[in-house]
Amino acid sequence: MAADKTITLGHPSYIWRAGQERRLRLIQQYTQLENATILDDGCGVGVYVARFRAFSSEVYGVDIDPERVREASEHLPNIRQASVEALPYPDRMFDVVLSHEVLEHVPNDRAAVSEAHRVLKPGGRLVVFVPNRWYPFETHGIIWRGKYHFGNIPLVNYLPDVWRNKLCPHVRAYTGRGLCALFAELDGHIVLRRRIYAGYDNIIARHPGYGHVLRSVTYAFEHTPLQVFGLSHFLVYQRDS
């Protein structure tokens, strides 16, 4: 179980589909990507790095997994192996830092946020996507009786912490308050925090009609109190000085 890095590191984005395209549009709404110095903080195989290069030549990526770094480096420059808790960059280097479904996997999420803040320029923005504790399914699987069970497990996130942590010691899910607490001692402010629903790309590939209806309905939920049950938090934070 410990040898399977996908349990602890998760699956990066391997291909670009509608769900990723929507997230890129959200990033564009709240950051200035044109000619910016951009870091994908936990870049996996570099899918977002490649897209960011349409806006700027100064795009960088780090990931802790050497295999993913090698794969990304085959077709992209500026990819380095490093922990997001100890970034190999000087202070105030980046205009934009993306942390895409990464904080839930790192040993010290507060340290990772602090490092992202350190490498931001004043006025620079950190964009964070992390799992929402109130999403009805745990998408990273569970560990039960010493074995890892992959899949979307219902209602796990609604359990008290002591029970959820036994089933999911490999991954966090965040309440809004818990996510915002990571930024409490930093010099900056939260520009936006909302919850977003999934892209449903796999469902649409198998059942196009049903999948498109599901996407339309749940995206409409994002403008109602039902936003609370979205798949992920989308947070934008700005360093002030």
Protein backbone atom coordinates (compact mmCIF):
# COMPACT_ATOMS: atom_id res chain seq x y z
CA MET A 1 0.00 0.00 0.00
CA ALA A 2 2.75 2.46 0.96
CA ALA A 3 4.51 1.74 -2.34
CA ASP A 4 1.55 2.94 -4.37
CA LYS A 5 2.29 6.64 -4.73
CA THR A 6 -1.10 7.37 -6.25
CA ILE A 7 -2.64 6.84 -2.82
CA THR A 8 -0.61 9.59 -1.19
CA LEU A 9 0.09 11.86 -4.19
CA GLY A 10 -3.16 11.40 -6.09
CA HIS A 11 -3.58 11.39 -9.85
CA PRO A 12 -2.45 14.48 -11.77
CA SER A 13 -4.35 15.78 -14.78
CA TYR A 14 -3.10 13.71 -17.73
CA ILE A 15 -5.24 15.09 -20.56
CA TRP A 16 -6.99 18.40 -21.20
CA ARG A 17 -10.76 18.19 -21.18
CA ALA A 18 -13.74 20.44 -20.49
CA GLY A 19 -13.27 20.32 -16.72
CA GLN A 20 -9.70 21.59 -16.97
CA GLU A 21 -10.68 24.20 -19.55
CA ARG A 22 -13.33 25.57 -17.21
CA ARG A 23 -10.85 25.81 -14.36
CA LEU A 24 -8.43 27.66 -16.62
CA ARG A 25 -11.18 30.17 -17.45
CA LEU A 26 -11.80 30.67 -13.73
CA ILE A 27 -8.08 31.31 -13.20
CA GLN A 28 -8.11 33.83 -16.05
CA GLN A 29 -10.98 35.74 -14.45
CA TYR A 30 -9.01 36.46 -11.28
CA THR A 31 -5.39 36.66 -12.39
CA GLN A 32 -3.37 38.41 -15.08
CA LEU A 33 -1.71 35.61 -17.04
CA GLU A 34 -0.46 37.59 -20.03
CA ASN A 35 3.34 37.94 -19.80
CA ALA A 36 3.21 36.92 -16.13
CA THR A 37 5.76 34.84 -14.26
CA ILE A 38 3.73 31.76 -13.33
CA LEU A 39 4.38 28.76 -11.10
CA ASP A 40 2.36 25.54 -11.14
CA ASP A 41 3.03 24.41 -7.58
CA GLY A 42 2.64 20.63 -7.79
CA CYS A 43 2.49 20.41 -11.57
CA GLY A 44 2.23 16.65 -12.10
CA VAL A 45 2.99 15.90 -15.75
CA GLY A 46 2.69 19.57 -16.71
CA VAL A 47 -0.76 19.83 -18.26
CA TYR A 48 -1.45 23.28 -16.79
CA VAL A 49 2.14 24.42 -17.40
CA ALA A 50 1.65 23.69 -21.11
CA ARG A 51 -1.57 25.72 -21.20
CA PHE A 52 -0.08 28.65 -19.31
CA ARG A 53 2.65 28.89 -21.94
CA ALA A 54 0.04 30.22 -24.35
CA PHE A 55 0.01 33.34 -22.15
CA SER A 56 3.64 33.67 -21.08
CA SER A 57 7.09 32.23 -21.71
CA GLU A 58 7.96 32.52 -18.01
CA VAL A 59 6.13 29.46 -16.74
CA TYR A 60 7.61 27.10 -14.15
CA GLY A 61 6.53 23.87 -12.53
CA VAL A 62 7.58 21.83 -9.51
CA ASP A 63 6.53 18.39 -8.40
CA ILE A 64 7.83 16.01 -5.75
CA ASP A 65 7.51 12.90 -7.93
CA PRO A 66 10.65 12.34 -10.07
CA GLU A 67 8.78 10.25 -12.63
CA ARG A 68 6.23 12.99 -13.25
CA VAL A 69 9.00 15.58 -13.41
CA ARG A 70 10.84 13.53 -16.04
CA GLU A 71 7.67 13.13 -18.10
CA ALA A 72 6.86 16.83 -17.94
CA SER A 73 10.47 17.81 -18.72
CA GLU A 74 10.38 15.83 -21.97
CA HIS A 75 8.22 18.51 -23.58
CA LEU A 76 8.38 21.52 -21.23
CA PRO A 77 11.15 23.77 -19.87
CA ASN A 78 11.53 25.02 -16.29
CA ILE A 79 10.31 21.87 -14.53
CA ARG A 80 12.03 20.98 -11.26
CA GLN A 81 11.69 18.28 -8.65
CA ALA A 82 10.95 19.84 -5.27
CA SER A 83 8.55 19.80 -2.36
CA VAL A 84 5.89 22.50 -2.35
CA GLU A 85 6.85 22.99 1.29
CA ALA A 86 10.40 24.04 0.31
CA LEU A 87 10.32 25.75 -3.08
CA PRO A 88 13.64 26.26 -4.90
CA TYR A 89 12.88 29.85 -5.89
CA PRO A 90 13.78 33.26 -4.43
CA ASP A 91 11.35 35.47 -2.57
CA ARG A 92 8.85 37.50 -4.59
CA MET A 93 9.50 35.85 -7.95
CA PHE A 94 6.01 35.02 -9.25
CA ASP A 95 2.97 36.98 -10.34
CA VAL A 96 0.73 33.89 -10.21
CA VAL A 97 1.03 30.61 -8.31
CA LEU A 98 -1.39 27.74 -8.95
CA SER A 99 -1.96 25.00 -6.37
CA HIS A 100 -4.31 22.62 -8.12
CA GLU A 101 -5.61 19.80 -5.90
CA VAL A 102 -2.25 19.58 -4.11
CA LEU A 103 -2.61 20.83 -0.52
CA GLU A 104 -4.75 17.88 0.48
CA HIS A 105 -1.82 15.53 -0.16
CA VAL A 106 1.16 17.31 1.44
CA PRO A 107 2.40 16.55 4.96
CA ASN A 108 2.19 20.20 6.04
CA ASP A 109 -0.40 22.22 4.16
CA ARG A 110 0.23 25.36 6.21
CA ALA A 111 3.93 25.27 5.27
CA ALA A 112 3.00 24.80 1.60
CA VAL A 113 0.75 27.88 1.67
CA SER A 114 3.46 29.86 3.45
CA GLU A 115 5.98 28.92 0.75
CA ALA A 116 3.58 29.92 -2.02
CA HIS A 117 3.13 33.26 -0.27
CA ARG A 118 6.90 33.70 0.05
CA VAL A 119 7.53 33.37 -3.69
CA LEU A 120 4.65 35.67 -4.69
CA LYS A 121 5.38 39.24 -5.68
CA PRO A 122 3.45 41.95 -3.81
CA GLY A 123 0.12 42.08 -5.57
CA GLY A 124 0.65 38.55 -6.90
CA ARG A 125 -2.09 35.96 -6.60
CA LEU A 126 -2.23 32.37 -5.41
CA VAL A 127 -5.01 30.25 -6.91
CA VAL A 128 -6.03 27.18 -4.91
CA PHE A 129 -8.28 24.25 -5.72
CA VAL A 130 -8.81 21.70 -2.93
CA PRO A 131 -11.48 19.09 -2.07
CA ASN A 132 -14.62 20.30 -0.34
CA ARG A 133 -15.46 18.49 2.91
CA TRP A 134 -19.19 18.76 2.16
CA TYR A 135 -19.04 17.06 -1.23
CA PRO A 136 -21.11 13.88 -0.79
CA PHE A 137 -18.32 11.56 -2.02
CA GLU A 138 -14.71 11.02 -1.05
CA THR A 139 -13.06 10.82 -4.46
CA HIS A 140 -9.66 9.58 -3.25
CA GLY A 141 -10.85 6.22 -1.94
CA ILE A 142 -10.51 4.88 1.59
CA ILE A 143 -8.29 2.56 3.59
CA TRP A 144 -10.32 -0.21 5.24
CA ARG A 145 -8.80 -3.04 7.25
CA GLY A 146 -5.34 -2.27 5.94
CA LYS A 147 -6.32 -2.24 2.27
CA TYR A 148 -6.81 0.68 -0.07
CA HIS A 149 -10.18 0.80 -1.83
CA PHE A 150 -10.26 3.09 -4.85
CA GLY A 151 -13.40 4.92 -5.90
CA ASN A 152 -15.95 7.55 -5.00
CA ILE A 153 -17.04 6.55 -1.50
CA PRO A 154 -20.30 8.16 -0.35
CA LEU A 155 -20.74 10.10 2.90
CA VAL A 156 -17.21 9.53 4.26
CA ASN A 157 -16.59 13.27 4.47
CA TYR A 158 -19.64 13.70 6.70
CA LEU A 159 -18.14 11.52 9.43
CA PRO A 160 -16.54 13.10 12.52
CA ASP A 161 -12.83 13.84 12.07
CA VAL A 162 -11.69 10.94 14.25
CA TRP A 163 -13.48 8.43 11.99
CA ARG A 164 -12.80 10.13 8.68
CA ASN A 165 -9.10 10.36 9.46
CA LYS A 166 -8.95 6.61 10.05
CA LEU A 167 -10.55 5.90 6.68
CA CYS A 168 -8.68 8.66 4.82
CA PRO A 169 -5.28 9.21 6.46
CA HIS A 170 -3.86 9.78 2.97
CA VAL A 171 -5.87 12.86 2.02
CA ARG A 172 -7.58 15.92 3.49
CA ALA A 173 -10.89 17.53 2.65
CA TYR A 174 -11.48 21.13 3.67
CA THR A 175 -14.28 23.10 5.20
CA GLY A 176 -14.34 26.75 4.23
CA ARG A 177 -13.18 27.75 7.68
CA GLY A 178 -10.35 25.22 7.68
CA LEU A 179 -9.09 26.37 4.29
CA CYS A 180 -9.18 30.06 5.21
CA ALA A 181 -7.31 29.33 8.44
CA LEU A 182 -4.22 28.39 6.39
CA PHE A 183 -3.92 32.05 5.35
CA ALA A 184 -4.71 33.68 8.69
CA GLU A 185 -1.16 34.74 9.60
CA LEU A 186 -0.02 35.84 6.14
CA ASP A 187 0.33 39.33 4.75
CA GLY A 188 -2.46 39.43 2.24
CA HIS A 189 -6.16 38.87 1.75
CA ILE A 190 -8.57 36.37 0.24
CA VAL A 191 -10.04 37.83 -2.95
CA LEU A 192 -12.57 35.06 -3.54
CA ARG A 193 -13.65 31.71 -2.18
CA ARG A 194 -16.41 29.65 -3.72
CA ARG A 195 -17.19 26.02 -4.37
CA ILE A 196 -17.42 24.51 -7.83
CA TYR A 197 -18.87 21.28 -9.14
CA ALA A 198 -17.13 18.62 -11.20
CA GLY A 199 -16.68 18.65 -14.98
CA TYR A 200 -18.21 15.16 -15.38
CA ASP A 201 -15.98 14.44 -18.37
CA ASN A 202 -15.93 10.68 -17.75
CA ILE A 203 -19.71 10.52 -17.40
CA ILE A 204 -20.21 12.60 -20.55
CA ALA A 205 -17.87 10.31 -22.49
CA ARG A 206 -20.02 7.30 -21.56
CA HIS A 207 -23.48 8.87 -21.36
CA PRO A 208 -23.45 12.22 -23.19
CA GLY A 209 -27.08 13.19 -22.69
CA TYR A 210 -27.21 12.44 -18.98
CA GLY A 211 -23.76 13.91 -18.40
CA HIS A 212 -24.55 17.24 -20.05
CA VAL A 213 -27.78 17.56 -18.06
CA LEU A 214 -25.92 16.78 -14.83
CA ARG A 215 -23.27 19.38 -15.66
CA SER A 216 -25.84 22.07 -16.47
CA VAL A 217 -27.89 21.43 -13.33
CA THR A 218 -24.99 21.33 -10.90
CA TYR A 219 -23.29 24.38 -12.45
CA ALA A 220 -26.55 26.21 -11.81
CA PHE A 221 -26.32 25.05 -8.18
CA GLU A 222 -23.14 27.12 -7.86
CA HIS A 223 -25.29 30.25 -7.79
CA THR A 224 -27.51 28.93 -4.98
CA PRO A 225 -26.99 27.71 -1.40
CA LEU A 226 -26.42 24.25 -2.92
CA GLN A 227 -22.95 25.49 -3.82
CA VAL A 228 -21.96 24.12 -0.41
CA PHE A 229 -21.99 20.57 -1.85
CA GLY A 230 -19.60 21.31 -4.74
CA LEU A 231 -16.63 19.11 -5.50
CA SER A 232 -13.85 21.63 -4.82
CA HIS A 233 -13.08 24.94 -3.18
CA PHE A 234 -11.81 27.61 -5.55
CA LEU A 235 -9.87 30.24 -3.63
CA VAL A 236 -7.89 33.26 -4.85
CA TYR A 237 -5.49 34.93 -2.43
CA GLN A 238 -3.48 38.12 -3.01
CA ARG A 239 -0.23 39.02 -1.31
CA ASP A 240 -0.40 42.64 -0.16
CA SER A 241 3.25 43.58 0.41
